[in-house]
PDB file of N, CA and C in Angstrom:
ATOM      1  N   MET A   1      42.774 -69.889 -46.046  1.00  0.00           N
ATOM      2  CA  MET A   1      41.717 -69.214 -45.520  1.00  0.00           C
ATOM      3  C   MET A   1      42.239 -67.627 -45.177  1.00  0.00           C
ATOM      4  N   THR A   2      41.651 -66.485 -45.623  1.00  0.00           N
ATOM      5  CA  THR A   2      42.078 -65.337 -45.104  1.00  0.00           C
ATOM      6  C   THR A   2      41.492 -64.968 -43.596  1.00  0.00           C
ATOM      7  N   ASN A   3      42.143 -63.935 -42.881  1.00  0.00           N
ATOM      8  CA  ASN A   3      41.660 -63.467 -41.959  1.00  0.00           C
ATOM      9  C   ASN A   3      40.191 -63.032 -41.846  1.00  0.00           C
ATOM     10  N   ALA A   4      40.051 -62.344 -43.128  1.00  0.00           N
ATOM     11  CA  ALA A   4      38.429 -61.971 -43.079  1.00  0.00           C
ATOM     12  C   ALA A   4      37.502 -62.996 -43.182  1.00  0.00           C
ATOM     13  N   GLU A   5      37.916 -64.092 -43.887  1.00  0.00           N
ATOM     14  CA  GLU A   5      36.923 -65.275 -44.000  1.00  0.00           C
ATOM     15  C   GLU A   5      36.846 -65.794 -42.542  1.00  0.00           C
ATOM     16  N   ALA A   6      38.031 -66.101 -41.725  1.00  0.00           N
ATOM     17  CA  ALA A   6      37.981 -66.773 -40.426  1.00  0.00           C
ATOM     18  C   ALA A   6      37.035 -65.829 -39.683  1.00  0.00           C
ATOM     19  N   SER A   7      37.151 -64.424 -39.778  1.00  0.00           N
ATOM     20  CA  SER A   7      36.498 -63.711 -38.865  1.00  0.00           C
ATOM     21  C   SER A   7      34.881 -63.584 -39.364  1.00  0.00           C
ATOM     22  N   ARG A   8      34.717 -63.658 -40.514  1.00  0.00           N
ATOM     23  CA  ARG A   8      33.258 -63.944 -40.934  1.00  0.00           C
ATOM     24  C   ARG A   8      32.617 -65.277 -40.271  1.00  0.00           C
ATOM     25  N   ARG A   9      33.356 -66.339 -40.520  1.00  0.00           N
ATOM     26  CA  ARG A   9      32.658 -67.515 -40.016  1.00  0.00           C
ATOM     27  C   ARG A   9      32.619 -67.659 -38.489  1.00  0.00           C
ATOM     28  N   ILE A  10      33.618 -66.949 -37.647  1.00  0.00           N
ATOM     29  CA  ILE A  10      33.453 -66.933 -36.092  1.00  0.00           C
ATOM     30  C   ILE A  10      32.447 -66.073 -35.931  1.00  0.00           C
ATOM     31  N   LYS A  11      32.247 -65.058 -36.501  1.00  0.00           N
ATOM     32  CA  LYS A  11      31.072 -64.004 -36.134  1.00  0.00           C
ATOM     33  C   LYS A  11      29.743 -64.774 -36.461  1.00  0.00           C
ATOM     34  N   THR A  12      29.636 -65.408 -37.635  1.00  0.00           N
ATOM     35  CA  THR A  12      28.358 -66.414 -37.998  1.00  0.00           C
ATOM     36  C   THR A  12      28.142 -67.269 -36.681  1.00  0.00           C
ATOM     37  N   VAL A  13      29.061 -67.998 -36.213  1.00  0.00           N
ATOM     38  CA  VAL A  13      28.970 -69.178 -35.104  1.00  0.00           C
ATOM     39  C   VAL A  13      28.398 -68.391 -33.973  1.00  0.00           C
ATOM     40  N   ILE A  14      29.067 -67.295 -33.468  1.00  0.00           N
ATOM     41  CA  ILE A  14      28.653 -66.526 -32.412  1.00  0.00           C
ATOM     42  C   ILE A  14      27.318 -65.851 -32.529  1.00  0.00           C
ATOM     43  N   GLU A  15      26.736 -65.273 -33.493  1.00  0.00           N
ATOM     44  CA  GLU A  15      25.515 -64.851 -33.751  1.00  0.00           C
ATOM     45  C   GLU A  15      24.549 -66.038 -33.615  1.00  0.00           C
ATOM     46  N   SER A  16      24.899 -67.176 -34.323  1.00  0.00           N
ATOM     47  CA  SER A  16      23.934 -68.054 -34.140  1.00  0.00           C
ATOM     48  C   SER A  16      23.688 -68.807 -32.825  1.00  0.00           C
ATOM     49  N   TYR A  17      24.825 -68.818 -32.152  1.00  0.00           N
ATOM     50  CA  TYR A  17      24.688 -69.510 -30.774  1.00  0.00           C
ATOM     51  C   TYR A  17      23.952 -68.354 -29.957  1.00  0.00           C
ATOM     52  N   LEU A  18      24.165 -67.185 -30.041  1.00  0.00           N
ATOM     53  CA  LEU A  18      23.335 -66.284 -29.156  1.00  0.00           C
ATOM     54  C   LEU A  18      21.919 -66.021 -29.615  1.00  0.00           C
ATOM     55  N   SER A  19      21.706 -66.263 -31.000  1.00  0.00           N
ATOM     56  CA  SER A  19      20.179 -66.353 -31.183  1.00  0.00           C
ATOM     57  C   SER A  19      19.580 -67.535 -30.697  1.00  0.00           C
ATOM     58  N   ALA A  20      20.137 -68.771 -30.557  1.00  0.00           N
ATOM     59  CA  ALA A  20      19.740 -70.035 -30.109  1.00  0.00           C
ATOM     60  C   ALA A  20      19.524 -69.863 -28.734  1.00  0.00           C
ATOM     61  N   ALA A  21      20.336 -68.996 -27.886  1.00  0.00           N
ATOM     62  CA  ALA A  21      20.291 -68.767 -26.337  1.00  0.00           C
ATOM     63  C   ALA A  21      19.333 -67.641 -25.975  1.00  0.00           C
ATOM     64  N   ASN A  22      18.757 -67.280 -27.089  1.00  0.00           N
ATOM     65  CA  ASN A  22      17.715 -66.002 -26.865  1.00  0.00           C
ATOM     66  C   ASN A  22      18.728 -64.927 -26.218  1.00  0.00           C
ATOM     67  N   GLN A  23      19.710 -64.619 -26.558  1.00  0.00           N
ATOM     68  CA  GLN A  23      20.724 -63.494 -26.051  1.00  0.00           C
ATOM     69  C   GLN A  23      20.704 -62.346 -27.119  1.00  0.00           C
ATOM     70  N   ASP A  24      20.910 -61.157 -26.795  1.00  0.00           N
ATOM     71  CA  ASP A  24      21.069 -59.926 -27.786  1.00  0.00           C
ATOM     72  C   ASP A  24      22.387 -60.088 -28.188  1.00  0.00           C
ATOM     73  N   CYS A  25      22.556 -59.777 -29.583  1.00  0.00           N
ATOM     74  CA  CYS A  25      23.915 -59.836 -30.123  1.00  0.00           C
ATOM     75  C   CYS A  25      24.389 -58.359 -30.350  1.00  0.00           C
ATOM     76  N   PRO A  26      25.457 -58.036 -29.536  1.00  0.00           N
ATOM     77  CA  PRO A  26      25.800 -56.928 -29.712  1.00  0.00           C
ATOM     78  C   PRO A  26      26.697 -56.636 -31.197  1.00  0.00           C
ATOM     79  N   GLU A  27      27.202 -55.406 -31.566  1.00  0.00           N
ATOM     80  CA  GLU A  27      28.054 -55.469 -32.725  1.00  0.00           C
ATOM     81  C   GLU A  27      29.347 -56.140 -32.266  1.00  0.00           C
ATOM     82  N   LEU A  28      29.688 -57.189 -32.996  1.00  0.00           N
ATOM     83  CA  LEU A  28      30.932 -57.719 -33.009  1.00  0.00           C
ATOM     84  C   LEU A  28      32.001 -57.291 -33.464  1.00  0.00           C
ATOM     85  N   GLY A  29      32.999 -57.162 -32.773  1.00  0.00           N
ATOM     86  CA  GLY A  29      34.281 -56.909 -33.112  1.00  0.00           C
ATOM     87  C   GLY A  29      35.413 -57.418 -32.400  1.00  0.00           C
ATOM     88  N   PRO A  30      36.724 -57.004 -32.810  1.00  0.00           N
ATOM     89  CA  PRO A  30      37.879 -57.703 -32.118  1.00  0.00           C
ATOM     90  C   PRO A  30      37.941 -57.166 -30.463  1.00  0.00           C
ATOM     91  N   SER A  31      37.055 -56.153 -30.042  1.00  0.00           N
ATOM     92  CA  SER A  31      37.219 -55.916 -28.780  1.00  0.00           C
ATOM     93  C   SER A  31      35.974 -56.152 -27.892  1.00  0.00           C
ATOM     94  N   THR A  32      35.081 -56.837 -28.434  1.00  0.00           N
ATOM     95  CA  THR A  32      34.060 -57.495 -27.841  1.00  0.00           C
ATOM     96  C   THR A  32      34.208 -58.395 -26.707  1.00  0.00           C
ATOM     97  N   LYS A  33      33.789 -58.175 -25.610  1.00  0.00           N
ATOM     98  CA  LYS A  33      33.829 -59.076 -24.493  1.00  0.00           C
ATOM     99  C   LYS A  33      32.716 -59.967 -24.473  1.00  0.00           C
ATOM    100  N   LEU A  34      32.776 -61.239 -24.763  1.00  0.00           N
ATOM    101  CA  LEU A  34      31.622 -62.003 -25.028  1.00  0.00           C
ATOM    102  C   LEU A  34      30.751 -62.184 -23.630  1.00  0.00           C
ATOM    103  N   VAL A  35      31.365 -62.594 -22.636  1.00  0.00           N
ATOM    104  CA  VAL A  35      30.718 -62.655 -21.205  1.00  0.00           C
ATOM    105  C   VAL A  35      30.104 -61.345 -20.804  1.00  0.00           C
ATOM    106  N   LYS A  36      31.042 -60.247 -20.742  1.00  0.00           N
ATOM    107  CA  LYS A  36      30.503 -59.060 -20.333  1.00  0.00           C
ATOM    108  C   LYS A  36      29.458 -58.219 -21.211  1.00  0.00           C
ATOM    109  N   ASP A  37      29.672 -58.229 -22.726  1.00  0.00           N
ATOM    110  CA  ASP A  37      28.845 -57.952 -23.456  1.00  0.00           C
ATOM    111  C   ASP A  37      27.443 -58.627 -23.899  1.00  0.00           C
ATOM    112  N   THR A  38      27.640 -59.748 -23.713  1.00  0.00           N
ATOM    113  CA  THR A  38      26.248 -60.702 -24.140  1.00  0.00           C
ATOM    114  C   THR A  38      25.711 -61.263 -22.886  1.00  0.00           C
ATOM    115  N   GLY A  39      26.536 -61.106 -21.870  1.00  0.00           N
ATOM    116  CA  GLY A  39      25.864 -62.043 -20.598  1.00  0.00           C
ATOM    117  C   GLY A  39      26.013 -63.592 -20.736  1.00  0.00           C
ATOM    118  N   LEU A  40      26.858 -64.055 -21.626  1.00  0.00           N
ATOM    119  CA  LEU A  40      27.041 -65.589 -21.753  1.00  0.00           C
ATOM    120  C   LEU A  40      27.724 -66.242 -20.358  1.00  0.00           C
ATOM    121  N   SER A  41      27.446 -67.245 -19.963  1.00  0.00           N
ATOM    122  CA  SER A  41      27.955 -67.878 -18.764  1.00  0.00           C
ATOM    123  C   SER A  41      29.292 -68.643 -19.189  1.00  0.00           C
ATOM    124  N   SER A  42      30.054 -69.161 -18.254  1.00  0.00           N
ATOM    125  CA  SER A  42      31.283 -70.140 -18.403  1.00  0.00           C
ATOM    126  C   SER A  42      30.895 -71.351 -19.352  1.00  0.00           C
ATOM    127  N   ASP A  43      29.460 -71.778 -19.056  1.00  0.00           N
ATOM    128  CA  ASP A  43      29.121 -72.941 -19.681  1.00  0.00           C
ATOM    129  C   ASP A  43      28.835 -72.564 -21.036  1.00  0.00           C
ATOM    130  N   ASP A  44      28.270 -71.431 -21.285  1.00  0.00           N
ATOM    131  CA  ASP A  44      27.912 -71.030 -22.660  1.00  0.00           C
ATOM    132  C   ASP A  44      29.327 -70.925 -23.322  1.00  0.00           C
ATOM    133  N   GLY A  45      30.436 -70.386 -22.808  1.00  0.00           N
ATOM    134  CA  GLY A  45      31.690 -70.344 -23.464  1.00  0.00           C
ATOM    135  C   GLY A  45      32.218 -71.705 -23.806  1.00  0.00           C
ATOM    136  N   VAL A  46      31.965 -72.721 -23.128  1.00  0.00           N
ATOM    137  CA  VAL A  46      32.404 -74.113 -23.529  1.00  0.00           C
ATOM    138  C   VAL A  46      31.798 -74.507 -24.788  1.00  0.00           C
ATOM    139  N   ASN A  47      30.267 -74.212 -24.738  1.00  0.00           N
ATOM    140  CA  ASN A  47      29.582 -74.703 -25.767  1.00  0.00           C
ATOM    141  C   ASN A  47      29.841 -73.940 -27.012  1.00  0.00           C
ATOM    142  N   LEU A  48      30.193 -72.558 -27.047  1.00  0.00           N
ATOM    143  CA  LEU A  48      30.412 -71.908 -28.111  1.00  0.00           C
ATOM    144  C   LEU A  48      31.819 -72.321 -28.791  1.00  0.00           C
ATOM    145  N   VAL A  49      32.772 -72.611 -27.772  1.00  0.00           N
ATOM    146  CA  VAL A  49      34.015 -73.383 -28.269  1.00  0.00           C
ATOM    147  C   VAL A  49      33.927 -74.422 -29.189  1.00  0.00           C
ATOM    148  N   LEU A  50      32.987 -75.366 -28.673  1.00  0.00           N
ATOM    149  CA  LEU A  50      32.534 -76.590 -29.468  1.00  0.00           C
ATOM    150  C   LEU A  50      31.931 -76.386 -30.504  1.00  0.00           C
ATOM    151  N   ASP A  51      31.019 -75.223 -30.776  1.00  0.00           N
ATOM    152  CA  ASP A  51      30.528 -74.885 -32.166  1.00  0.00           C
ATOM    153  C   ASP A  51      31.730 -74.510 -32.908  1.00  0.00           C
ATOM    154  N   LEU A  52      32.364 -73.659 -32.376  1.00  0.00           N
ATOM    155  CA  LEU A  52      33.564 -73.131 -33.293  1.00  0.00           C
ATOM    156  C   LEU A  52      34.607 -74.342 -33.645  1.00  0.00           C
ATOM    157  N   CYS A  53      34.752 -75.448 -32.948  1.00  0.00           N
ATOM    158  CA  CYS A  53      35.514 -76.489 -33.255  1.00  0.00           C
ATOM    159  C   CYS A  53      34.821 -77.152 -34.413  1.00  0.00           C
ATOM    160  N   SER A  54      33.600 -77.147 -34.403  1.00  0.00           N
ATOM    161  CA  SER A  54      32.699 -78.030 -35.549  1.00  0.00           C
ATOM    162  C   SER A  54      32.662 -77.266 -36.715  1.00  0.00           C
ATOM    163  N   GLU A  55      32.680 -75.684 -36.449  1.00  0.00           N
ATOM    164  CA  GLU A  55      32.809 -74.917 -37.675  1.00  0.00           C
ATOM    165  C   GLU A  55      34.125 -75.076 -38.689  1.00  0.00           C
ATOM    166  N   PHE A  56      35.216 -75.181 -37.707  1.00  0.00           N
ATOM    167  CA  PHE A  56      36.632 -75.280 -38.281  1.00  0.00           C
ATOM    168  C   PHE A  56      37.057 -76.712 -38.305  1.00  0.00           C
ATOM    169  N   GLU A  57      36.372 -77.589 -38.028  1.00  0.00           N
ATOM    170  CA  GLU A  57      36.770 -78.997 -38.162  1.00  0.00           C
ATOM    171  C   GLU A  57      38.028 -79.223 -37.292  1.00  0.00           C
ATOM    172  N   ILE A  58      37.819 -78.844 -36.100  1.00  0.00           N
ATOM    173  CA  ILE A  58      39.036 -79.015 -35.055  1.00  0.00           C
ATOM    174  C   ILE A  58      38.536 -80.075 -34.120  1.00  0.00           C
ATOM    175  N   VAL A  59      39.241 -80.977 -33.660  1.00  0.00           N
ATOM    176  CA  VAL A  59      39.081 -82.180 -32.830  1.00  0.00           C
ATOM    177  C   VAL A  59      40.024 -81.977 -31.535  1.00  0.00           C
ATOM    178  N   LEU A  60      39.318 -81.724 -30.391  1.00  0.00           N
ATOM    179  CA  LEU A  60      40.099 -81.751 -29.255  1.00  0.00           C
ATOM    180  C   LEU A  60      40.130 -83.032 -28.586  1.00  0.00           C
ATOM    181  N   PRO A  61      41.427 -83.466 -28.141  1.00  0.00           N
ATOM    182  CA  PRO A  61      41.512 -85.021 -27.461  1.00  0.00           C
ATOM    183  C   PRO A  61      40.523 -84.996 -26.392  1.00  0.00           C
ATOM    184  N   GLU A  62      39.938 -86.297 -26.231  1.00  0.00           N
ATOM    185  CA  GLU A  62      38.924 -86.617 -25.070  1.00  0.00           C
ATOM    186  C   GLU A  62      39.402 -86.116 -23.822  1.00  0.00           C
ATOM    187  N   ASP A  63      40.841 -86.220 -23.313  1.00  0.00           N
ATOM    188  CA  ASP A  63      41.564 -85.907 -22.483  1.00  0.00           C
ATOM    189  C   ASP A  63      41.890 -84.430 -22.174  1.00  0.00           C
ATOM    190  N   PHE A  64      41.576 -83.762 -23.006  1.00  0.00           N
ATOM    191  CA  PHE A  64      42.066 -82.250 -23.274  1.00  0.00           C
ATOM    192  C   PHE A  64      41.325 -81.625 -22.039  1.00  0.00           C
ATOM    193  N   ASN A  65      42.089 -80.873 -21.223  1.00  0.00           N
ATOM    194  CA  ASN A  65      41.659 -79.999 -20.195  1.00  0.00           C
ATOM    195  C   ASN A  65      42.492 -78.658 -20.073  1.00  0.00           C
ATOM    196  N   ALA A  66      41.890 -77.563 -20.628  1.00  0.00           N
ATOM    197  CA  ALA A  66      42.352 -76.477 -20.901  1.00  0.00           C
ATOM    198  C   ALA A  66      43.101 -75.620 -19.454  1.00  0.00           C
ATOM    199  N   ILE A  67      42.286 -76.238 -18.421  1.00  0.00           N
ATOM    200  CA  ILE A  67      42.838 -75.529 -17.086  1.00  0.00           C
ATOM    201  C   ILE A  67      44.227 -76.187 -16.679  1.00  0.00           C
ATOM    202  N   VAL A  68      44.235 -77.404 -17.104  1.00  0.00           N
ATOM    203  CA  VAL A  68      45.665 -78.015 -16.746  1.00  0.00           C
ATOM    204  C   VAL A  68      46.965 -77.665 -17.333  1.00  0.00           C
TER     205      VAL A  68
END
């Protein structure tokens, strides 16, 4: 997969998530700050990561904790 293809897929997932959350979608780019520019909460961030995992068929272990 090329960087352009990965970027397109990521952008599509983010746009879909924001649309479902009734949030305005700014112009997305490498410098976009999702929390600051869209108003997403940290819970939204977790859900968005899970959507990205589904898109890219990534499975996180059940005991995964990014904070630890």
